C-alpha atoms as a PDB file:
ATOM      1  CA  MET A   1      -5.088 -43.215  32.019  1.00  0.00           C
ATOM      2  CA  SER A   2      -4.380 -40.524  29.024  1.00  0.00           C
ATOM      3  CA  THR A   3      -1.735 -39.733  27.019  1.00  0.00           C
ATOM      4  CA  LEU A   4      -1.627 -36.368  24.862  1.00  0.00           C
ATOM      5  CA  PHE A   5      -1.344 -36.728  21.601  1.00  0.00           C
ATOM      6  CA  ARG A   6      -1.469 -33.294  18.444  1.00  0.00           C
ATOM      7  CA  GLY A   7      -1.953 -31.510  21.873  1.00  0.00           C
ATOM      8  CA  ARG A   8      -4.907 -33.138  23.564  1.00  0.00           C
ATOM      9  CA  PRO A   9      -5.327 -35.876  26.068  1.00  0.00           C
ATOM     10  CA  LEU A  10      -6.126 -39.507  24.623  1.00  0.00           C
ATOM     11  CA  PRO A  11      -7.445 -41.906  26.854  1.00  0.00           C
ATOM     12  CA  VAL A  12      -5.969 -45.068  26.481  1.00  0.00           C
ATOM     13  CA  LEU A  13      -6.577 -47.230  30.145  1.00  0.00           C
ATOM     14  CA  ASP A  14      -9.394 -46.309  32.215  1.00  0.00           C
ATOM     15  CA  GLU A  15     -10.453 -48.085  34.542  1.00  0.00           C
ATOM     16  CA  ILE A  16      -8.022 -51.194  34.561  1.00  0.00           C
ATOM     17  CA  ASP A  17      -7.876 -53.257  37.538  1.00  0.00           C
ATOM     18  CA  LEU A  18      -5.248 -56.088  37.978  1.00  0.00           C
ATOM     19  CA  ALA A  19      -3.943 -58.483  40.098  1.00  0.00           C
ATOM     20  CA  ALA A  20      -1.267 -60.671  39.660  1.00  0.00           C
ATOM     21  CA  ALA A  21       0.456 -63.254  41.534  1.00  0.00           C
ATOM     22  CA  ALA A  22       4.389 -64.084  42.745  1.00  0.00           C
ATOM     23  CA  GLY A  23       5.352 -66.000  40.005  1.00  0.00           C
ATOM     24  CA  GLU A  24       2.693 -66.317  37.137  1.00  0.00           C
ATOM     25  CA  PHE A  25       3.001 -65.298  33.504  1.00  0.00           C
ATOM     26  CA  VAL A  26       0.273 -63.272  32.342  1.00  0.00           C
ATOM     27  CA  ALA A  27       0.074 -62.666  28.312  1.00  0.00           C
ATOM     28  CA  LEU A  28      -1.511 -58.876  28.189  1.00  0.00           C
ATOM     29  CA  LEU A  29      -3.673 -59.296  24.206  1.00  0.00           C
ATOM     30  CA  GLY A  30      -4.874 -57.067  22.116  1.00  0.00           C
ATOM     31  CA  PRO A  31      -4.875 -55.162  18.226  1.00  0.00           C
ATOM     32  CA  SER A  32      -2.517 -52.757  17.723  1.00  0.00           C
ATOM     33  CA  GLY A  33      -3.394 -49.521  19.635  1.00  0.00           C
ATOM     34  CA  CYS A  34      -5.359 -50.916  22.588  1.00  0.00           C
ATOM     35  CA  GLY A  35      -3.457 -49.773  24.989  1.00  0.00           C
ATOM     36  CA  LYS A  36      -1.568 -52.812  26.060  1.00  0.00           C
ATOM     37  CA  SER A  37       2.192 -51.192  25.550  1.00  0.00           C
ATOM     38  CA  THR A  38       1.188 -48.799  27.963  1.00  0.00           C
ATOM     39  CA  LEU A  39       0.448 -50.673  30.578  1.00  0.00           C
ATOM     40  CA  PRO A  40       4.174 -52.065  31.050  1.00  0.00           C
ATOM     41  CA  ARG A  41       4.998 -48.867  30.516  1.00  0.00           C
ATOM     42  CA  LEU A  42       3.092 -47.789  34.153  1.00  0.00           C
ATOM     43  CA  ILE A  43       3.893 -50.812  35.725  1.00  0.00           C
ATOM     44  CA  ALA A  44       7.965 -50.644  34.824  1.00  0.00           C
ATOM     45  CA  GLY A  45       6.975 -47.210  36.488  1.00  0.00           C
ATOM     46  CA  LEU A  46       8.389 -45.272  33.163  1.00  0.00           C
ATOM     47  CA  GLU A  47       5.131 -43.549  32.847  1.00  0.00           C
ATOM     48  CA  GLN A  48       2.870 -41.816  35.195  1.00  0.00           C
ATOM     49  CA  PRO A  49      -1.186 -42.491  35.833  1.00  0.00           C
ATOM     50  CA  ALA A  50      -3.534 -39.827  35.630  1.00  0.00           C
ATOM     51  CA  SER A  51      -5.721 -41.090  38.645  1.00  0.00           C
ATOM     52  CA  GLY A  52      -5.576 -44.477  40.174  1.00  0.00           C
ATOM     53  CA  THR A  53      -1.942 -46.378  42.025  1.00  0.00           C
ATOM     54  CA  ILE A  54       0.486 -49.363  40.968  1.00  0.00           C
ATOM     55  CA  VAL A  55       1.348 -51.476  42.982  1.00  0.00           C
ATOM     56  CA  ALA A  56       4.022 -53.904  42.674  1.00  0.00           C
ATOM     57  CA  GLY A  57       4.411 -55.962  46.150  1.00  0.00           C
ATOM     58  CA  ALA A  58       3.426 -54.110  48.765  1.00  0.00           C
ATOM     59  CA  THR A  59       5.681 -51.468  47.132  1.00  0.00           C
ATOM     60  CA  GLU A  60       3.126 -48.708  45.464  1.00  0.00           C
ATOM     61  CA  VAL A  61       4.731 -47.956  41.818  1.00  0.00           C
ATOM     62  CA  GLY A  62       6.251 -44.103  41.751  1.00  0.00           C
ATOM     63  CA  ALA A  63       9.823 -44.738  39.539  1.00  0.00           C
ATOM     64  CA  PRO A  64      11.455 -47.165  37.916  1.00  0.00           C
ATOM     65  CA  ASP A  65      13.475 -50.212  39.835  1.00  0.00           C
ATOM     66  CA  PRO A  66      15.520 -53.234  39.330  1.00  0.00           C
ATOM     67  CA  SER A  67      12.997 -55.464  40.887  1.00  0.00           C
ATOM     68  CA  ARG A  68      10.775 -54.478  37.820  1.00  0.00           C
ATOM     69  CA  ILE A  69      12.451 -54.656  34.278  1.00  0.00           C
ATOM     70  CA  LEU A  70      11.432 -54.401  30.924  1.00  0.00           C
ATOM     71  CA  VAL A  71      11.984 -55.881  27.482  1.00  0.00           C
ATOM     72  CA  PHE A  72      10.979 -53.729  24.424  1.00  0.00           C
ATOM     73  CA  GLN A  73      10.615 -55.000  21.352  1.00  0.00           C
ATOM     74  CA  ASP A  74      13.984 -53.221  19.924  1.00  0.00           C
ATOM     75  CA  PRO A  75      16.814 -55.101  21.246  1.00  0.00           C
ATOM     76  CA  THR A  76      18.246 -51.949  22.468  1.00  0.00           C
ATOM     77  CA  LEU A  77      21.626 -52.996  22.889  1.00  0.00           C
ATOM     78  CA  PHE A  78      24.559 -50.352  22.419  1.00  0.00           C
ATOM     79  CA  PRO A  79      26.274 -51.400  18.802  1.00  0.00           C
ATOM     80  CA  TRP A  80      29.936 -50.101  20.846  1.00  0.00           C
ATOM     81  CA  ARG A  81      29.247 -51.989  24.399  1.00  0.00           C
ATOM     82  CA  THR A  82      29.777 -55.934  23.586  1.00  0.00           C
ATOM     83  CA  VAL A  83      27.037 -58.855  24.601  1.00  0.00           C
ATOM     84  CA  ARG A  84      28.267 -59.041  27.662  1.00  0.00           C
ATOM     85  CA  GLN A  85      29.461 -55.009  28.635  1.00  0.00           C
ATOM     86  CA  ASN A  86      25.416 -55.002  26.775  1.00  0.00           C
ATOM     87  CA  VAL A  87      24.394 -57.350  29.684  1.00  0.00           C
ATOM     88  CA  SER A  88      26.367 -55.947  32.189  1.00  0.00           C
ATOM     89  CA  LEU A  89      24.818 -52.090  32.277  1.00  0.00           C
ATOM     90  CA  GLY A  90      22.169 -52.347  35.137  1.00  0.00           C
ATOM     91  CA  LEU A  91      24.850 -53.624  37.438  1.00  0.00           C
ATOM     92  CA  GLU A  92      27.299 -51.485  36.096  1.00  0.00           C
ATOM     93  CA  ALA A  93      25.490 -48.268  36.958  1.00  0.00           C
ATOM     94  CA  ARG A  94      23.586 -49.681  39.930  1.00  0.00           C
ATOM     95  CA  GLY A  95      27.724 -50.249  41.420  1.00  0.00           C
ATOM     96  CA  ARG A  96      27.472 -53.190  41.928  1.00  0.00           C
ATOM     97  CA  LEU A  97      29.788 -55.093  38.542  1.00  0.00           C
ATOM     98  CA  ARG A  98      32.441 -55.878  40.719  1.00  0.00           C
ATOM     99  CA  LYS A  99      30.699 -57.693  43.371  1.00  0.00           C
ATOM    100  CA  GLN A 100      28.138 -59.564  41.076  1.00  0.00           C
ATOM    101  CA  HIS A 101      30.506 -60.125  38.365  1.00  0.00           C
ATOM    102  CA  ARG A 102      29.968 -63.675  37.818  1.00  0.00           C
ATOM    103  CA  ARG A 103      26.159 -63.120  37.784  1.00  0.00           C
ATOM    104  CA  VAL A 104      26.950 -62.180  33.690  1.00  0.00           C
ATOM    105  CA  ASP A 105      28.285 -64.709  33.460  1.00  0.00           C
ATOM    106  CA  ASP A 106      25.326 -66.660  34.926  1.00  0.00           C
ATOM    107  CA  VAL A 107      23.129 -65.268  32.832  1.00  0.00           C
ATOM    108  CA  LEU A 108      24.791 -65.596  29.617  1.00  0.00           C
ATOM    109  CA  ARG A 109      25.033 -69.451  29.700  1.00  0.00           C
ATOM    110  CA  GLN A 110      21.171 -69.182  31.091  1.00  0.00           C
ATOM    111  CA  VAL A 111      20.369 -67.812  27.479  1.00  0.00           C
ATOM    112  CA  GLY A 112      22.699 -69.368  25.636  1.00  0.00           C
ATOM    113  CA  LEU A 113      24.647 -66.590  24.740  1.00  0.00           C
ATOM    114  CA  ASP A 114      28.211 -67.402  26.920  1.00  0.00           C
ATOM    115  CA  ALA A 115      30.084 -68.342  23.786  1.00  0.00           C
ATOM    116  CA  PHE A 116      28.765 -64.577  22.160  1.00  0.00           C
ATOM    117  CA  ALA A 117      30.097 -62.619  25.039  1.00  0.00           C
ATOM    118  CA  GLU A 118      32.257 -60.932  23.495  1.00  0.00           C
ATOM    119  CA  ALA A 119      30.942 -60.172  20.424  1.00  0.00           C
ATOM    120  CA  TYR A 120      29.012 -56.960  19.755  1.00  0.00           C
ATOM    121  CA  PRO A 121      25.172 -56.218  18.270  1.00  0.00           C
ATOM    122  CA  HIS A 122      25.581 -56.397  15.035  1.00  0.00           C
ATOM    123  CA  GLN A 123      27.364 -59.453  15.289  1.00  0.00           C
ATOM    124  CA  LEU A 124      24.452 -60.852  16.348  1.00  0.00           C
ATOM    125  CA  SER A 125      21.140 -62.815  14.677  1.00  0.00           C
ATOM    126  CA  GLY A 126      18.091 -60.674  15.761  1.00  0.00           C
ATOM    127  CA  GLY A 127      17.229 -64.040  18.042  1.00  0.00           C
ATOM    128  CA  MET A 128      20.908 -63.921  19.788  1.00  0.00           C
ATOM    129  CA  ALA A 129      20.293 -59.847  20.095  1.00  0.00           C
ATOM    130  CA  GLN A 130      16.667 -60.496  21.550  1.00  0.00           C
ATOM    131  CA  ARG A 131      18.504 -63.613  24.113  1.00  0.00           C
ATOM    132  CA  ALA A 132      20.465 -60.373  25.085  1.00  0.00           C
ATOM    133  CA  ALA A 133      18.263 -57.449  26.171  1.00  0.00           C
ATOM    134  CA  LEU A 134      16.945 -61.010  27.849  1.00  0.00           C
ATOM    135  CA  ALA A 135      19.823 -61.476  30.128  1.00  0.00           C
ATOM    136  CA  ARG A 136      20.362 -57.658  30.489  1.00  0.00           C
ATOM    137  CA  ALA A 137      17.284 -57.353  31.997  1.00  0.00           C
ATOM    138  CA  LEU A 138      17.267 -60.807  33.978  1.00  0.00           C
ATOM    139  CA  VAL A 139      20.702 -60.236  35.336  1.00  0.00           C
ATOM    140  CA  ASN A 140      19.255 -57.298  37.705  1.00  0.00           C
ATOM    141  CA  ASP A 141      17.097 -60.993  39.321  1.00  0.00           C
ATOM    142  CA  PRO A 142      13.694 -58.439  38.786  1.00  0.00           C
ATOM    143  CA  THR A 143      10.941 -60.121  40.780  1.00  0.00           C
ATOM    144  CA  VAL A 144       9.052 -58.270  37.200  1.00  0.00           C
ATOM    145  CA  LEU A 145       9.455 -59.025  33.748  1.00  0.00           C
ATOM    146  CA  LEU A 146       7.273 -56.968  31.770  1.00  0.00           C
ATOM    147  CA  MET A 147       8.009 -57.554  28.285  1.00  0.00           C
ATOM    148  CA  ASP A 148       6.390 -55.930  24.569  1.00  0.00           C
ATOM    149  CA  GLU A 149       6.098 -57.381  21.786  1.00  0.00           C
ATOM    150  CA  PRO A 150       9.962 -58.677  22.790  1.00  0.00           C
ATOM    151  CA  LEU A 151       9.530 -61.074  19.500  1.00  0.00           C
ATOM    152  CA  ALA A 152       7.493 -59.002  16.550  1.00  0.00           C
ATOM    153  CA  ASN A 153      10.131 -59.091  14.785  1.00  0.00           C
ATOM    154  CA  LEU A 154      11.254 -61.883  15.193  1.00  0.00           C
ATOM    155  CA  ASP A 155      11.136 -64.701  12.163  1.00  0.00           C
ATOM    156  CA  SER A 156       8.906 -67.578  12.985  1.00  0.00           C
ATOM    157  CA  LEU A 157      11.506 -70.011  13.595  1.00  0.00           C
ATOM    158  CA  THR A 158      13.572 -68.365  16.403  1.00  0.00           C
ATOM    159  CA  ARG A 159       9.658 -67.139  17.638  1.00  0.00           C
ATOM    160  CA  LEU A 160       9.002 -70.628  18.117  1.00  0.00           C
ATOM    161  CA  VAL A 161      12.472 -71.030  19.804  1.00  0.00           C
ATOM    162  CA  MET A 162      12.053 -68.442  22.001  1.00  0.00           C
ATOM    163  CA  GLN A 163       8.777 -68.867  23.097  1.00  0.00           C
ATOM    164  CA  ALA A 164      10.165 -72.658  23.958  1.00  0.00           C
ATOM    165  CA  GLU A 165      13.335 -70.570  25.841  1.00  0.00           C
ATOM    166  CA  LEU A 166      11.395 -67.944  28.489  1.00  0.00           C
ATOM    167  CA  ARG A 167       8.702 -70.910  28.812  1.00  0.00           C
ATOM    168  CA  ALA A 168      12.218 -72.885  29.675  1.00  0.00           C
ATOM    169  CA  LEU A 169      13.526 -69.944  31.473  1.00  0.00           C
ATOM    170  CA  TRP A 170      10.585 -68.538  33.354  1.00  0.00           C
ATOM    171  CA  GLY A 171       9.188 -72.589  34.903  1.00  0.00           C
ATOM    172  CA  ARG A 172      13.146 -71.863  36.395  1.00  0.00           C
ATOM    173  CA  GLU A 173      13.334 -68.550  37.914  1.00  0.00           C
ATOM    174  CA  ARG A 174       9.435 -68.235  38.700  1.00  0.00           C
ATOM    175  CA  PHE A 175       9.759 -63.754  37.730  1.00  0.00           C
ATOM    176  CA  THR A 176       5.545 -62.324  37.313  1.00  0.00           C
ATOM    177  CA  VAL A 177       5.424 -62.100  33.653  1.00  0.00           C
ATOM    178  CA  PHE A 178       3.274 -59.806  31.459  1.00  0.00           C
ATOM    179  CA  PHE A 179       3.846 -60.629  27.808  1.00  0.00           C
ATOM    180  CA  VAL A 180       2.244 -58.120  25.117  1.00  0.00           C
ATOM    181  CA  THR A 181       1.459 -59.715  22.717  1.00  0.00           C
ATOM    182  CA  HIS A 182      -0.742 -58.704  19.507  1.00  0.00           C
ATOM    183  CA  ASP A 183      -0.533 -62.572  17.750  1.00  0.00           C
ATOM    184  CA  VAL A 184      -3.279 -65.196  19.538  1.00  0.00           C
ATOM    185  CA  GLU A 185      -0.711 -67.985  19.015  1.00  0.00           C
ATOM    186  CA  GLU A 186       1.870 -66.613  21.138  1.00  0.00           C
ATOM    187  CA  ALA A 187      -0.993 -65.568  23.884  1.00  0.00           C
ATOM    188  CA  LEU A 188      -1.965 -69.550  23.996  1.00  0.00           C
ATOM    189  CA  SER A 189       1.263 -70.810  23.490  1.00  0.00           C
END
């Protein structure tokens, strides 16, 4: 895979052969700039490989799909929408909110934000905002959850709590996770 840097191709990933079983938790560990964020973007269908193929389940990845959701380092919540409205965005965009509105409440409860459903992003702590971004991903019932250093901007104590919450959530839901980090301790946990 190449990307453009100053108008010239820059090789990012080369000869990657990776298979993950359904329900597996995979930590992608490496230093900044090694391409570890590119891999989940490829799996999510946000970028296309220059050569080779990416297969999720039995389907070749060619475009984004709600079965493969990417949670970014920054929560990227819309400031004019409440937590509930941010979380429901995927269902709303696919025309499913009316039939699945209870799913939003279920996911808010799962991530511990049910009491903050009507709050706006500026009223949330960093950890709460990241949980809202996680809920926005989970409401779509993904089979693959891609996480690009989602805890990097949190303080140490909040990061430890979020790591435990993520492990518990994964233990209950058993979706496949690709977790990008440059922190060895985080990868091991």
